[in-house]
Amino acid sequence: MDRNIVAVVFLNEGSLVAWFDNGISKHYTSEDLNVASCDDFRSIHITGTGASLEWNGDRTIGADELYQLGEVVNYVEDEKRRLLKSLSEIRRDASFSQTRLGEAAGIRQSVISRIEGCEISPQINTLLKLLAPLGKTLAIVDLKQE
């Protein structure tokens, strides 16, 4: 297959996600990779060519073998659902109806309903218009914090 690893992000003490050159991302635990300690896990890095992961200078796993392990994750879809669920919760916590928020943001209630139901993906401008009357904004945060 000649797959390459293009990125690795550590999510916590025993979990990482690897992105491959085909756009697929997969989640791994220390057990998936047979990594004994947290120090070993934190030392995992991509080799220069992206052909493998290496840790402790002597342990490696090839990209094709790694690709066969782990669970496929779709961070875009997962994060979109989480974000839109948060929008709905924030709106309700602020005692705003969809209609009232729509009036404040200049967006139709039916559009807000479709956004909160994950039926459509709003543009960033639309999200900012919806969040501002609720006293919120967007931020970029490390995946490790999530």
N, C-alpha and C. Protein backbone atom coordinates (compact mmCIF):
# COMPACT_ATOMS: atom_id res chain seq x y z
N MET A 1 0.81 -1.19 0.00
CA MET A 1 0.00 0.00 0.00
C MET A 1 0.86 1.26 0.00
N ASP A 2 2.01 1.23 0.65
CA ASP A 2 2.92 2.38 0.75
C ASP A 2 2.24 3.62 1.30
N ARG A 3 1.55 3.46 2.39
CA ARG A 3 0.88 4.54 3.10
C ARG A 3 1.92 5.35 3.86
N ASN A 4 1.69 6.65 4.05
CA ASN A 4 2.56 7.48 4.88
C ASN A 4 1.76 8.13 5.99
N ILE A 5 2.42 8.35 7.11
CA ILE A 5 1.84 9.05 8.25
C ILE A 5 2.21 10.52 8.09
N VAL A 6 1.23 11.40 8.15
CA VAL A 6 1.54 12.82 7.94
C VAL A 6 1.45 13.66 9.21
N ALA A 7 0.74 13.16 10.23
CA ALA A 7 0.64 13.90 11.49
C ALA A 7 0.25 12.95 12.61
N VAL A 8 0.71 13.28 13.81
CA VAL A 8 0.34 12.55 15.01
C VAL A 8 0.05 13.58 16.09
N VAL A 9 -1.09 13.41 16.77
CA VAL A 9 -1.46 14.30 17.87
C VAL A 9 -1.77 13.44 19.09
N PHE A 10 -1.14 13.78 20.22
CA PHE A 10 -1.40 13.08 21.47
C PHE A 10 -2.58 13.74 22.15
N LEU A 11 -3.60 12.94 22.48
CA LEU A 11 -4.79 13.49 23.09
C LEU A 11 -4.72 13.47 24.61
N ASN A 12 -4.09 12.49 25.18
CA ASN A 12 -3.91 12.40 26.62
C ASN A 12 -2.81 11.39 26.91
N GLU A 13 -2.71 10.95 28.15
CA GLU A 13 -1.60 10.08 28.55
C GLU A 13 -1.55 8.74 27.81
N GLY A 14 -2.64 8.27 27.28
CA GLY A 14 -2.61 6.96 26.64
C GLY A 14 -3.38 6.92 25.34
N SER A 15 -3.36 8.01 24.58
CA SER A 15 -4.19 8.07 23.39
C SER A 15 -3.56 9.00 22.36
N LEU A 16 -3.57 8.59 21.11
CA LEU A 16 -3.09 9.47 20.04
C LEU A 16 -3.91 9.25 18.79
N VAL A 17 -3.85 10.21 17.89
CA VAL A 17 -4.48 10.11 16.59
C VAL A 17 -3.40 10.30 15.54
N ALA A 18 -3.42 9.45 14.53
CA ALA A 18 -2.50 9.58 13.40
C ALA A 18 -3.32 9.88 12.15
N TRP A 19 -2.82 10.83 11.36
CA TRP A 19 -3.42 11.16 10.07
C TRP A 19 -2.54 10.59 8.98
N PHE A 20 -3.18 9.97 8.00
CA PHE A 20 -2.47 9.33 6.91
C PHE A 20 -2.62 10.15 5.63
N ASP A 21 -1.78 9.83 4.65
CA ASP A 21 -1.76 10.61 3.41
C ASP A 21 -2.99 10.42 2.53
N ASN A 22 -3.92 9.57 2.94
CA ASN A 22 -5.19 9.43 2.21
C ASN A 22 -6.31 10.22 2.88
N GLY A 23 -5.96 11.03 3.92
CA GLY A 23 -6.96 11.84 4.61
C GLY A 23 -7.67 11.13 5.76
N ILE A 24 -7.40 9.87 5.96
CA ILE A 24 -8.02 9.10 7.04
C ILE A 24 -7.25 9.35 8.34
N SER A 25 -7.99 9.49 9.43
CA SER A 25 -7.36 9.59 10.75
C SER A 25 -7.84 8.42 11.59
N LYS A 26 -6.93 7.91 12.41
CA LYS A 26 -7.24 6.77 13.26
C LYS A 26 -6.76 7.03 14.68
N HIS A 27 -7.53 6.52 15.62
CA HIS A 27 -7.26 6.68 17.05
C HIS A 27 -6.57 5.43 17.57
N TYR A 28 -5.55 5.62 18.44
CA TYR A 28 -4.79 4.52 19.02
C TYR A 28 -4.61 4.72 20.51
N THR A 29 -4.63 3.63 21.24
CA THR A 29 -4.29 3.65 22.66
C THR A 29 -2.90 3.04 22.82
N SER A 30 -2.34 3.17 24.01
CA SER A 30 -1.03 2.57 24.28
C SER A 30 -1.10 1.05 24.11
N GLU A 31 -2.27 0.47 24.40
CA GLU A 31 -2.44 -0.97 24.23
C GLU A 31 -2.39 -1.35 22.74
N ASP A 32 -3.00 -0.52 21.88
CA ASP A 32 -2.97 -0.80 20.44
C ASP A 32 -1.54 -0.88 19.92
N LEU A 33 -0.68 -0.02 20.46
CA LEU A 33 0.71 0.05 19.99
C LEU A 33 1.67 -0.74 20.85
N ASN A 34 1.14 -1.39 21.90
CA ASN A 34 1.96 -2.18 22.82
C ASN A 34 3.07 -1.32 23.43
N VAL A 35 2.66 -0.14 23.89
CA VAL A 35 3.59 0.78 24.54
C VAL A 35 3.43 0.62 26.04
N ALA A 36 4.53 0.38 26.73
CA ALA A 36 4.47 0.01 28.14
C ALA A 36 4.24 1.19 29.07
N SER A 37 4.88 2.33 28.82
CA SER A 37 4.80 3.43 29.79
C SER A 37 4.37 4.73 29.12
N CYS A 38 3.94 5.66 29.93
CA CYS A 38 3.55 6.99 29.44
C CYS A 38 4.74 7.69 28.81
N ASP A 39 5.94 7.51 29.38
CA ASP A 39 7.13 8.13 28.81
C ASP A 39 7.40 7.60 27.41
N ASP A 40 7.24 6.28 27.23
CA ASP A 40 7.40 5.70 25.90
C ASP A 40 6.38 6.29 24.93
N PHE A 41 5.15 6.42 25.41
CA PHE A 41 4.07 6.91 24.55
C PHE A 41 4.35 8.34 24.11
N ARG A 42 4.83 9.18 25.03
CA ARG A 42 5.12 10.57 24.70
C ARG A 42 6.31 10.70 23.77
N SER A 43 7.16 9.68 23.70
CA SER A 43 8.35 9.76 22.84
C SER A 43 8.06 9.34 21.40
N ILE A 44 6.85 8.90 21.11
CA ILE A 44 6.51 8.47 19.75
C ILE A 44 6.59 9.66 18.80
N HIS A 45 7.24 9.44 17.66
CA HIS A 45 7.33 10.47 16.63
C HIS A 45 7.36 9.82 15.25
N ILE A 46 7.05 10.61 14.24
CA ILE A 46 7.05 10.14 12.86
C ILE A 46 8.48 10.16 12.35
N THR A 47 8.86 9.11 11.65
CA THR A 47 10.18 9.13 11.02
C THR A 47 10.18 10.18 9.92
N GLY A 48 11.35 10.60 9.51
CA GLY A 48 11.50 11.69 8.54
C GLY A 48 10.67 11.54 7.28
N THR A 49 10.51 10.32 6.82
CA THR A 49 9.78 10.09 5.57
C THR A 49 8.29 9.87 5.77
N GLY A 50 7.85 9.67 7.01
CA GLY A 50 6.45 9.37 7.29
C GLY A 50 6.11 7.90 7.10
N ALA A 51 7.14 7.08 6.89
CA ALA A 51 6.91 5.66 6.65
C ALA A 51 6.63 4.87 7.92
N SER A 52 6.93 5.46 9.08
CA SER A 52 6.72 4.73 10.32
C SER A 52 6.67 5.67 11.51
N LEU A 53 6.24 5.10 12.65
CA LEU A 53 6.35 5.76 13.94
C LEU A 53 7.51 5.10 14.67
N GLU A 54 8.20 5.89 15.48
CA GLU A 54 9.34 5.38 16.23
C GLU A 54 9.26 5.90 17.65
N TRP A 55 9.73 5.10 18.61
CA TRP A 55 9.84 5.56 20.00
C TRP A 55 10.99 4.83 20.67
N ASN A 56 11.58 5.50 21.62
CA ASN A 56 12.73 5.00 22.38
C ASN A 56 13.91 4.64 21.48
N GLY A 57 13.95 5.13 20.28
CA GLY A 57 15.08 4.90 19.39
C GLY A 57 15.22 3.49 18.85
N ASP A 58 14.41 2.56 19.37
CA ASP A 58 14.57 1.18 18.92
C ASP A 58 13.25 0.50 18.55
N ARG A 59 12.14 1.13 18.81
CA ARG A 59 10.84 0.54 18.50
C ARG A 59 10.21 1.29 17.34
N THR A 60 9.73 0.58 16.36
CA THR A 60 9.06 1.21 15.21
C THR A 60 7.85 0.38 14.81
N ILE A 61 6.94 1.06 14.14
CA ILE A 61 5.81 0.40 13.50
C ILE A 61 5.61 1.10 12.16
N GLY A 62 5.56 0.30 11.10
CA GLY A 62 5.41 0.86 9.77
C GLY A 62 4.03 1.46 9.55
N ALA A 63 3.96 2.40 8.64
CA ALA A 63 2.70 3.09 8.36
C ALA A 63 1.61 2.13 7.90
N ASP A 64 1.96 1.18 7.05
CA ASP A 64 0.95 0.23 6.57
C ASP A 64 0.42 -0.64 7.71
N GLU A 65 1.33 -1.08 8.58
CA GLU A 65 0.91 -1.88 9.74
C GLU A 65 0.06 -1.04 10.70
N LEU A 66 0.49 0.19 10.94
CA LEU A 66 -0.25 1.10 11.80
C LEU A 66 -1.65 1.35 11.25
N TYR A 67 -1.74 1.49 9.94
CA TYR A 67 -3.02 1.77 9.30
C TYR A 67 -4.02 0.64 9.55
N GLN A 68 -3.53 -0.59 9.67
CA GLN A 68 -4.41 -1.73 9.91
C GLN A 68 -4.96 -1.74 11.34
N LEU A 69 -4.30 -1.06 12.25
CA LEU A 69 -4.72 -0.99 13.65
C LEU A 69 -5.59 0.24 13.87
N GLY A 70 -6.08 0.39 15.06
CA GLY A 70 -6.78 1.61 15.45
C GLY A 70 -8.19 1.71 14.89
N GLU A 71 -8.86 2.75 15.34
CA GLU A 71 -10.25 2.99 14.98
C GLU A 71 -10.33 4.29 14.18
N VAL A 72 -11.01 4.25 13.05
CA VAL A 72 -11.18 5.44 12.22
C VAL A 72 -11.98 6.48 13.00
N VAL A 73 -11.51 7.71 12.96
CA VAL A 73 -12.23 8.82 13.59
C VAL A 73 -12.42 9.92 12.56
N ASN A 74 -13.52 10.62 12.68
CA ASN A 74 -13.80 11.74 11.78
C ASN A 74 -13.91 12.99 12.62
N TYR A 75 -12.78 13.65 12.85
CA TYR A 75 -12.78 14.80 13.74
C TYR A 75 -13.63 15.95 13.22
N VAL A 76 -13.69 16.11 11.92
CA VAL A 76 -14.50 17.21 11.39
C VAL A 76 -15.96 17.02 11.78
N GLU A 77 -16.49 15.87 11.52
CA GLU A 77 -17.91 15.61 11.83
C GLU A 77 -18.15 15.60 13.34
N ASP A 78 -17.24 14.95 14.09
CA ASP A 78 -17.39 14.88 15.54
C ASP A 78 -17.35 16.28 16.17
N GLU A 79 -16.40 17.09 15.74
CA GLU A 79 -16.27 18.44 16.29
C GLU A 79 -17.44 19.33 15.87
N LYS A 80 -17.92 19.15 14.65
CA LYS A 80 -19.07 19.93 14.20
C LYS A 80 -20.29 19.63 15.08
N ARG A 81 -20.55 18.37 15.31
CA ARG A 81 -21.69 17.98 16.16
C ARG A 81 -21.53 18.51 17.58
N ARG A 82 -20.32 18.41 18.14
CA ARG A 82 -20.06 18.90 19.48
C ARG A 82 -20.28 20.42 19.56
N LEU A 83 -19.77 21.13 18.57
CA LEU A 83 -19.90 22.59 18.54
C LEU A 83 -21.36 23.01 18.42
N LEU A 84 -22.09 22.37 17.52
CA LEU A 84 -23.49 22.76 17.33
C LEU A 84 -24.36 22.36 18.51
N LYS A 85 -24.02 21.27 19.17
CA LYS A 85 -24.73 20.91 20.40
C LYS A 85 -24.46 21.97 21.47
N SER A 86 -23.22 22.44 21.56
CA SER A 86 -22.87 23.49 22.51
C SER A 86 -23.64 24.76 22.23
N LEU A 87 -23.78 25.11 20.96
CA LEU A 87 -24.54 26.31 20.59
C LEU A 87 -25.97 26.22 21.12
N SER A 88 -26.59 25.09 20.92
CA SER A 88 -27.96 24.89 21.39
C SER A 88 -28.05 24.99 22.91
N GLU A 89 -27.09 24.39 23.62
CA GLU A 89 -27.08 24.44 25.08
C GLU A 89 -26.86 25.86 25.59
N ILE A 90 -25.94 26.58 24.97
CA ILE A 90 -25.66 27.96 25.36
C ILE A 90 -26.90 28.83 25.14
N ARG A 91 -27.57 28.62 24.02
CA ARG A 91 -28.79 29.39 23.72
C ARG A 91 -29.84 29.15 24.79
N ARG A 92 -30.07 27.89 25.12
CA ARG A 92 -31.08 27.57 26.14
C ARG A 92 -30.68 28.09 27.53
N ASP A 93 -29.39 27.94 27.88
CA ASP A 93 -28.91 28.44 29.17
C ASP A 93 -29.10 29.95 29.30
N ALA A 94 -29.03 30.66 28.17
CA ALA A 94 -29.21 32.12 28.17
C ALA A 94 -30.68 32.50 28.07
N SER A 95 -31.57 31.50 28.10
CA SER A 95 -33.03 31.71 28.00
C SER A 95 -33.43 32.39 26.70
N PHE A 96 -32.73 32.06 25.62
CA PHE A 96 -33.08 32.56 24.29
C PHE A 96 -33.86 31.47 23.56
N SER A 97 -34.94 31.84 22.93
CA SER A 97 -35.59 30.93 21.99
C SER A 97 -34.84 31.04 20.67
N GLN A 98 -35.06 30.10 19.77
CA GLN A 98 -34.45 30.22 18.44
C GLN A 98 -34.93 31.48 17.74
N THR A 99 -36.19 31.83 17.95
CA THR A 99 -36.75 33.04 17.32
C THR A 99 -36.06 34.29 17.84
N ARG A 100 -35.91 34.39 19.15
CA ARG A 100 -35.26 35.57 19.74
C ARG A 100 -33.81 35.67 19.29
N LEU A 101 -33.08 34.54 19.27
CA LEU A 101 -31.70 34.56 18.81
C LEU A 101 -31.64 34.95 17.34
N GLY A 102 -32.56 34.43 16.55
CA GLY A 102 -32.61 34.78 15.14
C GLY A 102 -32.80 36.27 14.92
N GLU A 103 -33.68 36.86 15.71
CA GLU A 103 -33.90 38.30 15.60
C GLU A 103 -32.63 39.08 15.96
N ALA A 104 -31.96 38.66 17.01
CA ALA A 104 -30.74 39.35 17.45
C ALA A 104 -29.60 39.18 16.45
N ALA A 105 -29.55 38.03 15.80
CA ALA A 105 -28.44 37.73 14.89
C ALA A 105 -28.77 38.05 13.43
N GLY A 106 -30.05 38.30 13.14
CA GLY A 106 -30.43 38.54 11.75
C GLY A 106 -30.46 37.27 10.92
N ILE A 107 -30.81 36.17 11.57
CA ILE A 107 -30.86 34.86 10.91
C ILE A 107 -32.22 34.23 11.19
N ARG A 108 -32.82 33.65 10.16
CA ARG A 108 -34.16 33.06 10.33
C ARG A 108 -34.13 31.91 11.33
N GLN A 109 -35.23 31.79 12.09
CA GLN A 109 -35.36 30.72 13.08
C GLN A 109 -35.23 29.36 12.43
N SER A 110 -35.77 29.18 11.24
CA SER A 110 -35.70 27.88 10.58
C SER A 110 -34.26 27.48 10.27
N VAL A 111 -33.42 28.46 9.98
CA VAL A 111 -32.01 28.19 9.72
C VAL A 111 -31.32 27.78 11.02
N ILE A 112 -31.64 28.46 12.12
CA ILE A 112 -31.06 28.10 13.42
C ILE A 112 -31.46 26.67 13.79
N SER A 113 -32.70 26.32 13.54
CA SER A 113 -33.17 24.97 13.82
C SER A 113 -32.37 23.94 13.03
N ARG A 114 -32.12 24.21 11.77
CA ARG A 114 -31.36 23.28 10.93
C ARG A 114 -29.90 23.20 11.37
N ILE A 115 -29.36 24.34 11.80
CA ILE A 115 -27.97 24.34 12.30
C ILE A 115 -27.88 23.50 13.57
N GLU A 116 -28.76 23.77 14.53
CA GLU A 116 -28.72 23.03 15.80
C GLU A 116 -29.01 21.54 15.61
N GLY A 117 -29.75 21.20 14.58
CA GLY A 117 -30.04 19.80 14.28
C GLY A 117 -28.97 19.14 13.43
N CYS A 118 -27.88 19.85 13.18
CA CYS A 118 -26.75 19.35 12.37
C CYS A 118 -27.17 18.98 10.95
N GLU A 119 -28.23 19.59 10.47
CA GLU A 119 -28.69 19.34 9.11
C GLU A 119 -27.87 20.14 8.10
N ILE A 120 -27.34 21.28 8.53
CA ILE A 120 -26.50 22.11 7.66
C ILE A 120 -25.26 22.53 8.43
N SER A 121 -24.21 22.83 7.70
CA SER A 121 -22.97 23.31 8.30
C SER A 121 -22.89 24.81 8.09
N PRO A 122 -22.99 25.58 9.17
CA PRO A 122 -22.97 27.03 9.01
C PRO A 122 -21.58 27.55 8.67
N GLN A 123 -21.54 28.68 7.99
CA GLN A 123 -20.27 29.36 7.76
C GLN A 123 -19.82 29.99 9.06
N ILE A 124 -18.55 30.30 9.15
CA ILE A 124 -18.00 30.91 10.36
C ILE A 124 -18.71 32.22 10.68
N ASN A 125 -18.98 33.03 9.68
CA ASN A 125 -19.68 34.31 9.91
C ASN A 125 -21.03 34.07 10.59
N THR A 126 -21.74 33.05 10.15
CA THR A 126 -23.04 32.74 10.73
C THR A 126 -22.90 32.33 12.19
N LEU A 127 -21.92 31.48 12.47
CA LEU A 127 -21.69 31.07 13.87
C LEU A 127 -21.36 32.28 14.74
N LEU A 128 -20.51 33.16 14.25
CA LEU A 128 -20.15 34.34 15.02
C LEU A 128 -21.36 35.23 15.26
N LYS A 129 -22.24 35.36 14.27
CA LYS A 129 -23.47 36.15 14.43
C LYS A 129 -24.37 35.54 15.48
N LEU A 130 -24.43 34.21 15.54
CA LEU A 130 -25.27 33.53 16.52
C LEU A 130 -24.67 33.59 17.93
N LEU A 131 -23.37 33.51 18.02
CA LEU A 131 -22.72 33.48 19.34
C LEU A 131 -22.65 34.85 20.00
N ALA A 132 -22.47 35.90 19.22
CA ALA A 132 -22.27 37.24 19.79
C ALA A 132 -23.41 37.67 20.71
N PRO A 133 -24.70 37.54 20.32
CA PRO A 133 -25.77 37.95 21.24
C PRO A 133 -25.82 37.11 22.52
N LEU A 134 -25.17 35.95 22.49
CA LEU A 134 -25.12 35.08 23.66
C LEU A 134 -23.87 35.35 24.51
N GLY A 135 -23.07 36.34 24.06
CA GLY A 135 -21.86 36.71 24.79
C GLY A 135 -20.72 35.72 24.59
N LYS A 136 -20.71 35.03 23.46
CA LYS A 136 -19.69 34.01 23.19
C LYS A 136 -19.01 34.28 21.87
N THR A 137 -17.88 33.59 21.63
CA THR A 137 -17.19 33.62 20.35
C THR A 137 -16.51 32.27 20.14
N LEU A 138 -15.88 32.10 18.99
CA LEU A 138 -15.14 30.88 18.70
C LEU A 138 -13.70 31.03 19.15
N ALA A 139 -13.04 29.93 19.43
CA ALA A 139 -11.62 29.93 19.79
C ALA A 139 -10.98 28.67 19.24
N ILE A 140 -9.70 28.75 18.97
CA ILE A 140 -8.94 27.58 18.55
C ILE A 140 -8.19 27.07 19.77
N VAL A 141 -8.39 25.79 20.09
CA VAL A 141 -7.79 25.20 21.27
C VAL A 141 -7.08 23.90 20.89
N ASP A 142 -6.13 23.49 21.72
CA ASP A 142 -5.45 22.22 21.51
C ASP A 142 -6.44 21.07 21.65
N LEU A 143 -6.29 20.05 20.83
CA LEU A 143 -7.12 18.86 20.97
C LEU A 143 -6.90 18.22 22.33
N LYS A 144 -5.72 18.37 22.90
CA LYS A 144 -5.42 17.79 24.21
C LYS A 144 -6.33 18.35 25.29
N GLN A 145 -6.83 19.56 25.09
CA GLN A 145 -7.69 20.19 26.09
C GLN A 145 -9.11 19.69 26.01
N GLU A 146 -9.46 19.03 24.94
CA GLU A 146 -10.86 18.61 24.73
C GLU A 146 -11.16 17.32 25.43
